[in-house]
């Protein structure tokens, strides 16, 4: 019956079969897209327990929400909030990186400053070096494998020097940051809302309007790894206790897996 129908009405049959094939293909593509979007940041070992700090305050008559925490709030999270297992402060900018001072640089979209707890909160495996010491001192750097190959033609670059010039918003460095490579990282997955090509220790002094200061010495994006999401109330209370009279700023948390959306 089917063959006879196809023989008698080939045009109609082709339209029906083609429409069904296109419809099924579109459904599969939509499902793959949704699956890819929902996979963002879920590769971290403790993805469901990681949150980012948000501040809400009024700027005149306008409500403002920013994804940062003050140094005082970060200290309160680390010392006064039960259930907080690790707190990482990080910030990202653009820049150029060189293997030798004076050489042509490689343009980078993600020069990320990070404190030593970065690897305690996030799961970014190292190909070489020790995560516990890679970012503990000023002027340290962690290169991704791709950047190491671009600069040196190899990935075993611990002990090498690199020079980074920031090009993001703010006062440009009067001189490039001279950094020593302490570790090599695997390239971050595409499904990450925290990209980096080079990690620079957050205690590294950088130029500011008030003179040289550690890169993460002011309000910056802050991420917290909790024992469980039930501990967000304790963490929020620890930060709220810092509010002075008349301070209208409030703190909240956004789960890492929702940041992309």
C-alpha atoms as a PDB file:
ATOM      1  CA  UNK A   1       0.000   0.000   0.000  1.00  0.00           C
ATOM      2  CA  UNK A   2       2.796   2.392   0.902  1.00  0.00           C
ATOM      3  CA  UNK A   3       4.735   1.665  -2.278  1.00  0.00           C
ATOM      4  CA  UNK A   4       1.620   2.062  -4.396  1.00  0.00           C
ATOM      5  CA  UNK A   5       0.795   5.385  -2.705  1.00  0.00           C
ATOM      6  CA  UNK A   6       4.359   6.603  -3.219  1.00  0.00           C
ATOM      7  CA  UNK A   7       4.228   5.600  -6.901  1.00  0.00           C
ATOM      8  CA  UNK A   8       0.902   7.320  -7.486  1.00  0.00           C
ATOM      9  CA  UNK A   9       1.685  10.549  -5.525  1.00  0.00           C
ATOM     10  CA  UNK A  10       5.478  10.936  -5.407  1.00  0.00           C
ATOM     11  CA  UNK A  11       5.433  14.724  -4.902  1.00  0.00           C
ATOM     12  CA  UNK A  12       3.070  14.636  -1.943  1.00  0.00           C
ATOM     13  CA  UNK A  13       4.914  11.703  -0.385  1.00  0.00           C
ATOM     14  CA  UNK A  14       8.241  13.518  -0.739  1.00  0.00           C
ATOM     15  CA  UNK A  15       6.851  16.637   0.951  1.00  0.00           C
ATOM     16  CA  UNK A  16       5.474  14.573   3.855  1.00  0.00           C
ATOM     17  CA  UNK A  17       8.683  12.571   4.346  1.00  0.00           C
ATOM     18  CA  UNK A  18      10.886  15.642   3.951  1.00  0.00           C
ATOM     19  CA  UNK A  19       8.804  17.662   6.403  1.00  0.00           C
ATOM     20  CA  UNK A  20       8.969  14.873   8.974  1.00  0.00           C
ATOM     21  CA  UNK A  21      12.768  14.565   8.556  1.00  0.00           C
ATOM     22  CA  UNK A  22      13.293  18.309   8.915  1.00  0.00           C
ATOM     23  CA  UNK A  23      11.037  18.430  11.977  1.00  0.00           C
ATOM     24  CA  UNK A  24      12.899  15.590  13.688  1.00  0.00           C
ATOM     25  CA  UNK A  25      16.267  17.170  12.838  1.00  0.00           C
ATOM     26  CA  UNK A  26      15.149  20.534  14.293  1.00  0.00           C
ATOM     27  CA  UNK A  27      14.011  18.812  17.496  1.00  0.00           C
ATOM     28  CA  UNK A  28      17.391  17.098  17.883  1.00  0.00           C
ATOM     29  CA  UNK A  29      19.249  20.362  17.241  1.00  0.00           C
ATOM     30  CA  UNK A  30      17.106  22.174  19.822  1.00  0.00           C
ATOM     31  CA  UNK A  31      17.737  19.434  22.392  1.00  0.00           C
ATOM     32  CA  UNK A  32      21.492  19.539  21.753  1.00  0.00           C
ATOM     33  CA  UNK A  33      21.504  23.323  22.135  1.00  0.00           C
ATOM     34  CA  UNK A  34      19.596  23.172  25.428  1.00  0.00           C
ATOM     35  CA  UNK A  35      21.883  20.402  26.705  1.00  0.00           C
ATOM     36  CA  UNK A  36      24.961  22.464  25.811  1.00  0.00           C
ATOM     37  CA  UNK A  37      23.609  25.602  27.499  1.00  0.00           C
ATOM     38  CA  UNK A  38      22.684  23.722  30.672  1.00  0.00           C
ATOM     39  CA  UNK A  39      26.136  22.112  30.876  1.00  0.00           C
ATOM     40  CA  UNK A  40      27.849  25.471  31.543  1.00  0.00           C
ATOM     41  CA  UNK A  41      29.937  25.347  34.757  1.00  0.00           C
ATOM     42  CA  UNK A  42      28.604  21.920  35.731  1.00  0.00           C
ATOM     43  CA  UNK A  43      31.985  20.286  35.183  1.00  0.00           C
ATOM     44  CA  UNK A  44      33.217  21.619  38.553  1.00  0.00           C
ATOM     45  CA  UNK A  45      33.343  18.942  41.233  1.00  0.00           C
ATOM     46  CA  UNK A  46      31.229  21.020  43.650  1.00  0.00           C
ATOM     47  CA  UNK A  47      29.247  22.977  41.051  1.00  0.00           C
ATOM     48  CA  UNK A  48      25.941  22.752  42.928  1.00  0.00           C
ATOM     49  CA  UNK A  49      27.545  24.117  46.119  1.00  0.00           C
ATOM     50  CA  UNK A  50      29.266  27.151  44.565  1.00  0.00           C
ATOM     51  CA  UNK A  51      27.600  30.567  44.714  1.00  0.00           C
ATOM     52  CA  UNK A  52      28.676  34.075  43.808  1.00  0.00           C
ATOM     53  CA  UNK A  53      28.125  37.103  46.046  1.00  0.00           C
ATOM     54  CA  UNK A  54      25.821  39.867  44.847  1.00  0.00           C
ATOM     55  CA  UNK A  55      25.340  43.310  46.383  1.00  0.00           C
ATOM     56  CA  UNK A  56      22.111  45.267  46.004  1.00  0.00           C
ATOM     57  CA  UNK A  57      21.866  48.965  46.796  1.00  0.00           C
ATOM     58  CA  UNK A  58      20.143  52.149  45.674  1.00  0.00           C
ATOM     59  CA  UNK A  59      21.968  54.598  43.417  1.00  0.00           C
ATOM     60  CA  UNK A  60      19.693  57.604  43.808  1.00  0.00           C
ATOM     61  CA  UNK A  61      16.285  56.248  42.853  1.00  0.00           C
ATOM     62  CA  UNK A  62      17.735  53.381  40.846  1.00  0.00           C
ATOM     63  CA  UNK A  63      18.251  49.882  42.300  1.00  0.00           C
ATOM     64  CA  UNK A  64      21.677  48.507  41.393  1.00  0.00           C
ATOM     65  CA  UNK A  65      22.958  44.946  41.632  1.00  0.00           C
ATOM     66  CA  UNK A  66      26.644  44.101  41.212  1.00  0.00           C
ATOM     67  CA  UNK A  67      28.514  40.811  41.415  1.00  0.00           C
ATOM     68  CA  UNK A  68      31.199  41.844  43.898  1.00  0.00           C
ATOM     69  CA  UNK A  69      32.050  41.639  47.579  1.00  0.00           C
ATOM     70  CA  UNK A  70      34.090  44.055  49.670  1.00  0.00           C
ATOM     71  CA  UNK A  71      37.345  42.834  51.291  1.00  0.00           C
ATOM     72  CA  UNK A  72      35.590  43.079  54.687  1.00  0.00           C
ATOM     73  CA  UNK A  73      32.757  40.863  53.467  1.00  0.00           C
ATOM     74  CA  UNK A  74      35.245  38.343  52.090  1.00  0.00           C
ATOM     75  CA  UNK A  75      37.032  38.218  55.455  1.00  0.00           C
ATOM     76  CA  UNK A  76      33.705  37.707  57.242  1.00  0.00           C
ATOM     77  CA  UNK A  77      32.873  34.811  54.931  1.00  0.00           C
ATOM     78  CA  UNK A  78      36.229  33.180  55.599  1.00  0.00           C
ATOM     79  CA  UNK A  79      36.257  33.584  59.387  1.00  0.00           C
ATOM     80  CA  UNK A  80      32.710  34.041  60.656  1.00  0.00           C
ATOM     81  CA  UNK A  81      30.362  32.011  58.448  1.00  0.00           C
ATOM     82  CA  UNK A  82      29.736  28.357  59.383  1.00  0.00           C
ATOM     83  CA  UNK A  83      29.418  26.067  56.396  1.00  0.00           C
ATOM     84  CA  UNK A  84      31.780  28.050  54.157  1.00  0.00           C
ATOM     85  CA  UNK A  85      34.483  25.714  52.869  1.00  0.00           C
ATOM     86  CA  UNK A  86      36.383  28.072  50.544  1.00  0.00           C
ATOM     87  CA  UNK A  87      36.173  31.639  49.246  1.00  0.00           C
ATOM     88  CA  UNK A  88      37.836  32.734  45.998  1.00  0.00           C
ATOM     89  CA  UNK A  89      38.176  36.298  44.737  1.00  0.00           C
ATOM     90  CA  UNK A  90      38.905  36.798  41.049  1.00  0.00           C
ATOM     91  CA  UNK A  91      38.813  39.425  38.338  1.00  0.00           C
ATOM     92  CA  UNK A  92      39.450  39.375  34.597  1.00  0.00           C
ATOM     93  CA  UNK A  93      40.786  41.840  32.063  1.00  0.00           C
ATOM     94  CA  UNK A  94      42.322  41.847  28.606  1.00  0.00           C
ATOM     95  CA  UNK A  95      46.000  42.236  27.843  1.00  0.00           C
ATOM     96  CA  UNK A  96      49.136  41.271  25.964  1.00  0.00           C
ATOM     97  CA  UNK A  97      51.605  38.640  27.073  1.00  0.00           C
ATOM     98  CA  UNK A  98      55.247  38.215  25.985  1.00  0.00           C
ATOM     99  CA  UNK A  99      57.881  35.590  26.699  1.00  0.00           C
ATOM    100  CA  UNK A 100      60.609  38.223  26.599  1.00  0.00           C
ATOM    101  CA  UNK A 101      60.465  41.916  27.366  1.00  0.00           C
ATOM    102  CA  UNK A 102      60.317  43.916  24.150  1.00  0.00           C
ATOM    103  CA  UNK A 103      59.069  41.062  21.956  1.00  0.00           C
ATOM    104  CA  UNK A 104      55.762  41.252  20.099  1.00  0.00           C
ATOM    105  CA  UNK A 105      52.971  40.216  22.431  1.00  0.00           C
ATOM    106  CA  UNK A 106      50.056  37.829  22.084  1.00  0.00           C
ATOM    107  CA  UNK A 107      46.670  39.491  22.615  1.00  0.00           C
ATOM    108  CA  UNK A 108      44.645  37.845  25.373  1.00  0.00           C
ATOM    109  CA  UNK A 109      40.923  38.092  26.022  1.00  0.00           C
ATOM    110  CA  UNK A 110      41.153  36.635  29.531  1.00  0.00           C
ATOM    111  CA  UNK A 111      43.952  37.680  31.871  1.00  0.00           C
ATOM    112  CA  UNK A 112      42.476  36.505  35.157  1.00  0.00           C
ATOM    113  CA  UNK A 113      43.715  37.560  38.586  1.00  0.00           C
ATOM    114  CA  UNK A 114      42.951  34.988  41.256  1.00  0.00           C
ATOM    115  CA  UNK A 115      43.745  34.363  44.911  1.00  0.00           C
ATOM    116  CA  UNK A 116      45.184  31.081  46.265  1.00  0.00           C
ATOM    117  CA  UNK A 117      41.713  29.639  46.968  1.00  0.00           C
ATOM    118  CA  UNK A 118      40.805  29.677  43.266  1.00  0.00           C
ATOM    119  CA  UNK A 119      41.633  25.994  42.889  1.00  0.00           C
ATOM    120  CA  UNK A 120      39.832  25.147  46.160  1.00  0.00           C
ATOM    121  CA  UNK A 121      36.553  26.493  44.802  1.00  0.00           C
ATOM    122  CA  UNK A 122      36.796  25.568  41.125  1.00  0.00           C
ATOM    123  CA  UNK A 123      37.865  22.386  39.361  1.00  0.00           C
ATOM    124  CA  UNK A 124      40.446  23.497  36.813  1.00  0.00           C
ATOM    125  CA  UNK A 125      43.005  20.672  36.655  1.00  0.00           C
ATOM    126  CA  UNK A 126      46.699  21.484  36.505  1.00  0.00           C
ATOM    127  CA  UNK A 127      48.930  19.745  33.990  1.00  0.00           C
ATOM    128  CA  UNK A 128      52.034  20.677  36.019  1.00  0.00           C
ATOM    129  CA  UNK A 129      52.746  22.360  39.332  1.00  0.00           C
ATOM    130  CA  UNK A 130      51.040  22.439  42.726  1.00  0.00           C
ATOM    131  CA  UNK A 131      47.633  24.096  43.054  1.00  0.00           C
ATOM    132  CA  UNK A 132      48.286  24.778  46.748  1.00  0.00           C
ATOM    133  CA  UNK A 133      51.241  27.078  46.007  1.00  0.00           C
ATOM    134  CA  UNK A 134      50.717  28.214  42.410  1.00  0.00           C
ATOM    135  CA  UNK A 135      49.112  31.568  43.335  1.00  0.00           C
ATOM    136  CA  UNK A 136      50.277  32.200  46.900  1.00  0.00           C
ATOM    137  CA  UNK A 137      52.879  34.909  46.270  1.00  0.00           C
ATOM    138  CA  UNK A 138      52.992  38.089  44.182  1.00  0.00           C
ATOM    139  CA  UNK A 139      54.167  37.926  40.560  1.00  0.00           C
ATOM    140  CA  UNK A 140      53.189  34.298  39.998  1.00  0.00           C
ATOM    141  CA  UNK A 141      51.415  33.036  36.889  1.00  0.00           C
ATOM    142  CA  UNK A 142      49.683  29.879  35.662  1.00  0.00           C
ATOM    143  CA  UNK A 143      49.603  29.376  31.883  1.00  0.00           C
ATOM    144  CA  UNK A 144      47.158  27.240  29.955  1.00  0.00           C
ATOM    145  CA  UNK A 145      48.715  24.584  27.736  1.00  0.00           C
ATOM    146  CA  UNK A 146      47.657  26.437  24.588  1.00  0.00           C
ATOM    147  CA  UNK A 147      49.255  29.721  25.709  1.00  0.00           C
ATOM    148  CA  UNK A 148      52.438  27.935  26.831  1.00  0.00           C
ATOM    149  CA  UNK A 149      52.817  26.379  23.378  1.00  0.00           C
ATOM    150  CA  UNK A 150      52.193  29.746  21.712  1.00  0.00           C
ATOM    151  CA  UNK A 151      54.864  31.462  23.819  1.00  0.00           C
ATOM    152  CA  UNK A 152      57.513  28.765  24.219  1.00  0.00           C
ATOM    153  CA  UNK A 153      56.612  25.971  21.810  1.00  0.00           C
ATOM    154  CA  UNK A 154      56.198  23.525  24.715  1.00  0.00           C
ATOM    155  CA  UNK A 155      54.113  23.009  27.863  1.00  0.00           C
ATOM    156  CA  UNK A 156      56.836  22.362  30.476  1.00  0.00           C
ATOM    157  CA  UNK A 157      57.389  26.061  31.245  1.00  0.00           C
ATOM    158  CA  UNK A 158      57.542  26.186  35.056  1.00  0.00           C
ATOM    159  CA  UNK A 159      60.213  28.685  36.082  1.00  0.00           C
ATOM    160  CA  UNK A 160      59.993  30.697  32.864  1.00  0.00           C
ATOM    161  CA  UNK A 161      59.297  34.435  32.930  1.00  0.00           C
ATOM    162  CA  UNK A 162      56.420  36.130  31.133  1.00  0.00           C
ATOM    163  CA  UNK A 163      55.465  39.777  30.821  1.00  0.00           C
ATOM    164  CA  UNK A 164      51.831  40.883  30.888  1.00  0.00           C
ATOM    165  CA  UNK A 165      50.508  44.289  29.907  1.00  0.00           C
ATOM    166  CA  UNK A 166      46.914  44.982  30.908  1.00  0.00           C
ATOM    167  CA  UNK A 167      44.723  46.693  28.337  1.00  0.00           C
ATOM    168  CA  UNK A 168      41.389  46.662  30.163  1.00  0.00           C
ATOM    169  CA  UNK A 169      39.619  49.625  31.716  1.00  0.00           C
ATOM    170  CA  UNK A 170      41.638  51.588  34.270  1.00  0.00           C
ATOM    171  CA  UNK A 171      45.111  53.023  34.620  1.00  0.00           C
ATOM    172  CA  UNK A 172      47.502  51.137  32.325  1.00  0.00           C
ATOM    173  CA  UNK A 173      50.575  49.603  33.936  1.00  0.00           C
ATOM    174  CA  UNK A 174      53.586  51.909  33.534  1.00  0.00           C
ATOM    175  CA  UNK A 175      55.584  48.728  32.938  1.00  0.00           C
ATOM    176  CA  UNK A 176      54.456  45.194  32.040  1.00  0.00           C
ATOM    177  CA  UNK A 177      53.942  42.838  34.967  1.00  0.00           C
ATOM    178  CA  UNK A 178      56.991  40.585  35.225  1.00  0.00           C
ATOM    179  CA  UNK A 179      55.720  37.160  36.299  1.00  0.00           C
ATOM    180  CA  UNK A 180      57.223  33.752  36.976  1.00  0.00           C
ATOM    181  CA  UNK A 181      55.347  30.671  35.778  1.00  0.00           C
ATOM    182  CA  UNK A 182      54.599  28.388  38.717  1.00  0.00           C
ATOM    183  CA  UNK A 183      52.170  25.929  37.114  1.00  0.00           C
ATOM    184  CA  UNK A 184      50.547  24.851  33.876  1.00  0.00           C
ATOM    185  CA  UNK A 185      46.794  24.394  33.582  1.00  0.00           C
ATOM    186  CA  UNK A 186      44.764  22.337  31.199  1.00  0.00           C
ATOM    187  CA  UNK A 187      42.745  24.512  28.838  1.00  0.00           C
ATOM    188  CA  UNK A 188      39.448  25.453  30.553  1.00  0.00           C
ATOM    189  CA  UNK A 189      36.366  23.799  29.054  1.00  0.00           C
ATOM    190  CA  UNK A 190      34.315  25.834  26.612  1.00  0.00           C
ATOM    191  CA  UNK A 191      31.385  25.412  28.987  1.00  0.00           C
ATOM    192  CA  UNK A 192      32.849  27.786  31.591  1.00  0.00           C
ATOM    193  CA  UNK A 193      31.671  31.235  32.632  1.00  0.00           C
ATOM    194  CA  UNK A 194      35.158  31.904  34.077  1.00  0.00           C
ATOM    195  CA  UNK A 195      37.486  31.757  31.074  1.00  0.00           C
ATOM    196  CA  UNK A 196      41.203  32.362  31.415  1.00  0.00           C
ATOM    197  CA  UNK A 197      44.329  32.059  29.310  1.00  0.00           C
ATOM    198  CA  UNK A 198      46.653  33.070  32.111  1.00  0.00           C
ATOM    199  CA  UNK A 199      46.079  33.201  35.876  1.00  0.00           C
ATOM    200  CA  UNK A 200      47.972  35.880  37.796  1.00  0.00           C
ATOM    201  CA  UNK A 201      48.289  35.807  41.599  1.00  0.00           C
ATOM    202  CA  UNK A 202      45.872  38.326  43.113  1.00  0.00           C
ATOM    203  CA  UNK A 203      48.535  39.758  45.441  1.00  0.00           C
ATOM    204  CA  UNK A 204      50.552  40.979  42.431  1.00  0.00           C
ATOM    205  CA  UNK A 205      50.873  44.797  42.621  1.00  0.00           C
ATOM    206  CA  UNK A 206      49.255  46.659  39.735  1.00  0.00           C
ATOM    207  CA  UNK A 207      48.941  50.358  38.960  1.00  0.00           C
ATOM    208  CA  UNK A 208      45.895  52.136  40.381  1.00  0.00           C
ATOM    209  CA  UNK A 209      44.756  55.709  40.872  1.00  0.00           C
ATOM    210  CA  UNK A 210      46.281  55.657  44.372  1.00  0.00           C
ATOM    211  CA  UNK A 211      49.531  54.039  43.327  1.00  0.00           C
ATOM    212  CA  UNK A 212      50.558  50.352  43.170  1.00  0.00           C
ATOM    213  CA  UNK A 213      48.217  48.001  45.025  1.00  0.00           C
ATOM    214  CA  UNK A 214      47.443  44.278  45.001  1.00  0.00           C
ATOM    215  CA  UNK A 215      45.219  43.444  42.049  1.00  0.00           C
ATOM    216  CA  UNK A 216      42.439  42.041  44.249  1.00  0.00           C
ATOM    217  CA  UNK A 217      42.706  44.615  47.047  1.00  0.00           C
ATOM    218  CA  UNK A 218      39.239  46.138  46.418  1.00  0.00           C
ATOM    219  CA  UNK A 219      35.698  44.928  45.742  1.00  0.00           C
ATOM    220  CA  UNK A 220      35.887  42.131  43.182  1.00  0.00           C
ATOM    221  CA  UNK A 221      33.757  39.157  42.052  1.00  0.00           C
ATOM    222  CA  UNK A 222      33.718  36.612  44.871  1.00  0.00           C
ATOM    223  CA  UNK A 223      32.751  32.940  44.768  1.00  0.00           C
ATOM    224  CA  UNK A 224      31.950  30.762  47.773  1.00  0.00           C
ATOM    225  CA  UNK A 225      31.964  26.988  48.062  1.00  0.00           C
ATOM    226  CA  UNK A 226      29.475  25.921  50.707  1.00  0.00           C
ATOM    227  CA  UNK A 227      29.116  22.634  52.526  1.00  0.00           C
ATOM    228  CA  UNK A 228      25.498  22.765  51.325  1.00  0.00           C
ATOM    229  CA  UNK A 229      23.186  25.389  49.889  1.00  0.00           C
ATOM    230  CA  UNK A 230      21.420  25.472  53.265  1.00  0.00           C
ATOM    231  CA  UNK A 231      24.464  27.365  54.568  1.00  0.00           C
ATOM    232  CA  UNK A 232      23.708  30.443  52.446  1.00  0.00           C
ATOM    233  CA  UNK A 233      21.745  31.911  55.374  1.00  0.00           C
ATOM    234  CA  UNK A 234      24.805  31.738  57.658  1.00  0.00           C
ATOM    235  CA  UNK A 235      27.034  33.288  55.011  1.00  0.00           C
ATOM    236  CA  UNK A 236      24.566  36.079  54.282  1.00  0.00           C
ATOM    237  CA  UNK A 237      24.170  36.843  57.996  1.00  0.00           C
ATOM    238  CA  UNK A 238      27.959  37.115  58.425  1.00  0.00           C
ATOM    239  CA  UNK A 239      28.140  39.742  55.682  1.00  0.00           C
ATOM    240  CA  UNK A 240      25.017  41.618  56.756  1.00  0.00           C
ATOM    241  CA  UNK A 241      26.512  42.012  60.246  1.00  0.00           C
ATOM    242  CA  UNK A 242      29.123  44.319  58.705  1.00  0.00           C
ATOM    243  CA  UNK A 243      26.549  46.890  57.650  1.00  0.00           C
ATOM    244  CA  UNK A 244      26.853  50.229  59.349  1.00  0.00           C
ATOM    245  CA  UNK A 245      23.947  52.498  60.285  1.00  0.00           C
ATOM    246  CA  UNK A 246      22.444  53.992  57.162  1.00  0.00           C
ATOM    247  CA  UNK A 247      24.087  51.450  54.883  1.00  0.00           C
ATOM    248  CA  UNK A 248      21.352  50.186  52.591  1.00  0.00           C
ATOM    249  CA  UNK A 249      23.448  47.612  50.765  1.00  0.00           C
ATOM    250  CA  UNK A 250      22.248  44.035  51.098  1.00  0.00           C
ATOM    251  CA  UNK A 251      23.902  40.786  50.075  1.00  0.00           C
ATOM    252  CA  UNK A 252      22.528  37.755  48.297  1.00  0.00           C
ATOM    253  CA  UNK A 253      23.904  34.735  46.455  1.00  0.00           C
ATOM    254  CA  UNK A 254      23.511  33.450  42.926  1.00  0.00           C
ATOM    255  CA  UNK A 255      24.310  29.782  42.228  1.00  0.00           C
ATOM    256  CA  UNK A 256      27.236  29.361  39.867  1.00  0.00           C
ATOM    257  CA  UNK A 257      25.185  27.110  37.585  1.00  0.00           C
ATOM    258  CA  UNK A 258      22.764  30.019  37.042  1.00  0.00           C
ATOM    259  CA  UNK A 259      25.400  32.688  36.263  1.00  0.00           C
ATOM    260  CA  UNK A 260      25.462  31.849  32.557  1.00  0.00           C
ATOM    261  CA  UNK A 261      21.717  32.410  32.273  1.00  0.00           C
END
